[in-house]
Amino acid sequence: MQAPAQDYKCCITLLPERLLQSDESVYKVVQLANALETSRFGDFWNAANTCRDLLGGIPGFYESVRGFIAHTLVHTYGRVTKRTLADCLKLEGATLEQYLSEKCKSAGWSIVNTPAGEVVGLPKNDDNQSVVKRTQDLIRFDQVAPMLKAVTVGF
C-alpha cells in the first residue's frame, strides 16, 4: 500500500491477463485499489471487510490506507465534518479521537465546534483553496467600430 505512489499500477501491469481474471485474491485487490483510486471509501471498507483473511497478514495495511484517504481529503477539502471523516477512515470513538489528536499535532489539522457539529479544519494547500483569476481582455476601438457603425446607421 504505497498510494499515491505508482507502485501498484506498475506491478499490476506486469501480471498476465488470465491471472487477473482467474485468481480471486488478485481480483479482490484490484477491486480495493479501484475503490480507493476513485475515492469510494465506503465501498473500499465494505470490500475490505469481505477479505479480512487476505488483508490481515499485511502489516500496516490499514494505517497506510487511512494515510492515503487522509491525503486525498486534505488535497480535496479545506474542512470536513467529523462524521464524514469518521466514515471515510472507518474509525469510531476513542480511536477516532486519538487519530485526530495526532493529526492536529503533526499535520496542522484543527477541530472547530459549529452549530451543525464538529468540523475538522484541514491545512491549506494549493489544491484545496479557491483561487480568483482575473483576466482582462483588451479590445481596441477599431475592432468594435464596424459593429457600432452598423448599430448606429439608422439613428
Protein backbone atom coordinates (compact mmCIF):
# COMPACT_ATOMS: atom_id res chain seq x y z
CA MET A 1 0.00 0.00 0.00
CA GLN A 2 2.11 2.83 -1.31
CA ALA A 3 -0.63 5.04 -2.74
CA PRO A 4 -0.50 7.73 -4.06
CA ALA A 5 2.80 6.39 -5.42
CA GLN A 6 2.50 4.41 -8.64
CA ASP A 7 3.90 1.09 -7.33
CA TYR A 8 0.56 -0.70 -7.61
CA LYS A 9 -0.04 0.36 -11.20
CA CYS A 10 3.46 -0.71 -12.23
CA CYS A 11 3.06 -4.13 -10.61
CA ILE A 12 -0.46 -4.81 -11.83
CA THR A 13 0.55 -4.24 -15.46
CA LEU A 14 3.14 -7.00 -15.13
CA LEU A 15 0.51 -9.62 -14.28
CA PRO A 16 -0.85 -11.74 -17.13
CA GLU A 17 -4.48 -11.10 -18.02
CA ARG A 18 -5.53 -14.68 -17.28
CA LEU A 19 -4.29 -14.30 -13.68
CA LEU A 20 -6.25 -11.08 -13.24
CA GLN A 21 -9.41 -12.84 -14.35
CA SER A 22 -8.99 -16.22 -12.68
CA ASP A 23 -7.38 -15.57 -9.27
CA GLU A 24 -9.95 -14.37 -6.73
CA SER A 25 -7.34 -12.77 -4.45
CA VAL A 26 -5.93 -10.68 -7.28
CA TYR A 27 -9.45 -9.72 -8.34
CA LYS A 28 -10.22 -8.51 -4.79
CA VAL A 29 -7.02 -6.45 -4.67
CA VAL A 30 -7.96 -4.83 -7.99
CA GLN A 31 -11.43 -4.02 -6.63
CA LEU A 32 -9.96 -2.50 -3.48
CA ALA A 33 -7.48 -0.41 -5.46
CA ASN A 34 -10.19 0.85 -7.81
CA ALA A 35 -12.38 1.89 -4.89
CA LEU A 36 -9.52 3.85 -3.32
CA GLU A 37 -8.41 5.47 -6.58
CA THR A 38 -11.94 6.69 -7.28
CA SER A 39 -12.45 7.90 -3.68
CA ARG A 40 -15.27 5.45 -3.00
CA PHE A 41 -14.07 4.93 0.55
CA GLY A 42 -17.30 3.34 1.79
CA ASP A 43 -17.09 0.75 -1.00
CA PHE A 44 -13.45 0.12 -0.10
CA TRP A 45 -14.24 -0.59 3.56
CA ASN A 46 -17.18 -2.84 2.60
CA ALA A 47 -14.96 -4.83 0.24
CA ALA A 48 -12.12 -4.92 2.79
CA ASN A 49 -14.48 -6.48 5.34
CA THR A 50 -15.13 -9.36 2.95
CA CYS A 51 -11.45 -10.23 2.63
CA ARG A 52 -10.04 -9.73 6.12
CA ASP A 53 -8.14 -13.01 5.86
CA LEU A 54 -6.25 -11.68 2.83
CA LEU A 55 -5.51 -8.24 4.28
CA GLY A 56 -4.93 -9.21 7.91
CA GLY A 57 -1.49 -10.61 7.16
CA ILE A 58 -0.21 -7.36 5.64
CA PRO A 59 1.48 -5.33 8.39
CA GLY A 60 0.47 -1.66 8.43
CA PHE A 61 -2.05 -2.04 5.61
CA TYR A 62 -4.97 -0.31 7.30
CA GLU A 63 -2.76 2.53 8.59
CA SER A 64 -1.44 3.08 5.07
CA VAL A 65 -4.95 3.10 3.65
CA ARG A 66 -6.04 5.67 6.22
CA GLY A 67 -2.96 7.73 5.36
CA PHE A 68 -3.93 7.69 1.70
CA ILE A 69 -7.54 8.62 2.49
CA ALA A 70 -6.37 11.48 4.71
CA HIS A 71 -4.00 12.63 1.94
CA THR A 72 -6.89 12.61 -0.53
CA LEU A 73 -9.18 14.55 1.80
CA VAL A 74 -6.51 17.17 2.58
CA HIS A 75 -5.94 17.79 -1.12
CA THR A 76 -9.66 17.97 -1.83
CA TYR A 77 -11.29 19.82 1.08
CA GLY A 78 -10.48 22.67 3.40
CA ARG A 79 -12.96 21.45 6.02
CA VAL A 80 -14.85 18.23 6.55
CA THR A 81 -17.37 17.21 9.18
CA LYS A 82 -16.13 14.89 11.86
CA ARG A 83 -18.84 12.37 10.92
CA THR A 84 -17.74 12.33 7.27
CA LEU A 85 -14.13 11.92 8.30
CA ALA A 86 -15.06 9.04 10.62
CA ASP A 87 -16.95 7.34 7.77
CA CYS A 88 -14.08 7.80 5.31
CA LEU A 89 -11.45 6.49 7.74
CA LYS A 90 -13.73 3.86 9.30
CA LEU A 91 -12.80 4.98 12.81
CA GLU A 92 -15.05 5.48 15.81
CA GLY A 93 -14.90 6.70 19.39
CA ALA A 94 -11.53 6.76 21.14
CA THR A 95 -9.66 5.53 18.05
CA LEU A 96 -11.00 8.45 16.02
CA GLU A 97 -10.19 10.92 18.79
CA GLN A 98 -6.64 9.60 19.04
CA TYR A 99 -6.20 9.80 15.25
CA LEU A 100 -7.49 13.39 15.22
CA SER A 101 -5.29 14.34 18.16
CA GLU A 102 -2.21 13.03 16.35
CA LYS A 103 -3.14 14.83 13.12
CA CYS A 104 -3.77 18.09 15.00
CA LYS A 105 -0.27 17.88 16.50
CA SER A 106 1.65 16.63 13.47
CA ALA A 107 -0.20 17.75 10.35
CA GLY A 108 -1.87 21.05 11.22
CA TRP A 109 -5.44 19.80 11.45
CA SER A 110 -7.86 21.58 13.78
CA ILE A 111 -11.26 20.82 15.27
CA VAL A 112 -13.87 23.59 15.29
CA ASN A 113 -17.23 23.45 17.02
CA THR A 114 -20.03 24.81 14.85
CA PRO A 115 -23.81 24.88 15.33
CA ALA A 116 -24.02 21.96 12.88
CA GLY A 117 -21.47 19.89 14.85
CA GLU A 118 -17.74 19.43 14.95
CA VAL A 119 -15.82 20.27 11.79
CA VAL A 120 -12.24 19.26 11.10
CA GLY A 121 -10.18 22.03 9.53
CA LEU A 122 -7.58 20.68 7.15
CA PRO A 123 -4.36 22.57 6.34
CA LYS A 124 -4.47 24.89 3.37
CA ASN A 125 -2.53 23.92 0.28
CA ASP A 126 -2.55 24.75 -3.42
CA ASP A 127 -5.16 22.08 -4.15
CA ASN A 128 -7.87 22.86 -1.57
CA GLN A 129 -8.13 26.63 -1.95
CA SER A 130 -10.17 28.53 -4.44
CA VAL A 131 -8.14 30.94 -6.49
CA VAL A 132 -9.60 34.01 -8.09
CA LYS A 133 -8.20 34.54 -11.54
CA ARG A 134 -8.71 37.92 -13.05
CA THR A 135 -8.23 38.34 -16.71
CA GLN A 136 -8.57 41.42 -18.75
CA ASP A 137 -9.20 41.23 -22.44
CA LEU A 138 -8.31 44.40 -24.22
CA ILE A 139 -10.50 45.30 -27.17
CA ARG A 140 -9.32 48.02 -29.47
CA PHE A 141 -11.76 50.56 -30.88
CA ASP A 142 -11.03 49.55 -34.47
CA GLN A 143 -12.24 46.02 -33.61
CA VAL A 144 -15.60 47.34 -32.34
CA ALA A 145 -16.08 50.23 -34.81
CA PRO A 146 -17.74 48.18 -37.60
CA MET A 147 -20.32 46.86 -35.15
CA LEU A 148 -21.02 50.33 -33.75
CA LYS A 149 -21.38 51.71 -37.27
CA ALA A 150 -23.93 49.02 -38.15
CA VAL A 151 -25.95 49.67 -34.99
CA THR A 152 -25.98 53.49 -35.27
CA VAL A 153 -26.62 53.85 -39.04
CA GLY A 154 -30.37 54.24 -38.70
CA PHE A 155 -30.30 56.84 -35.93
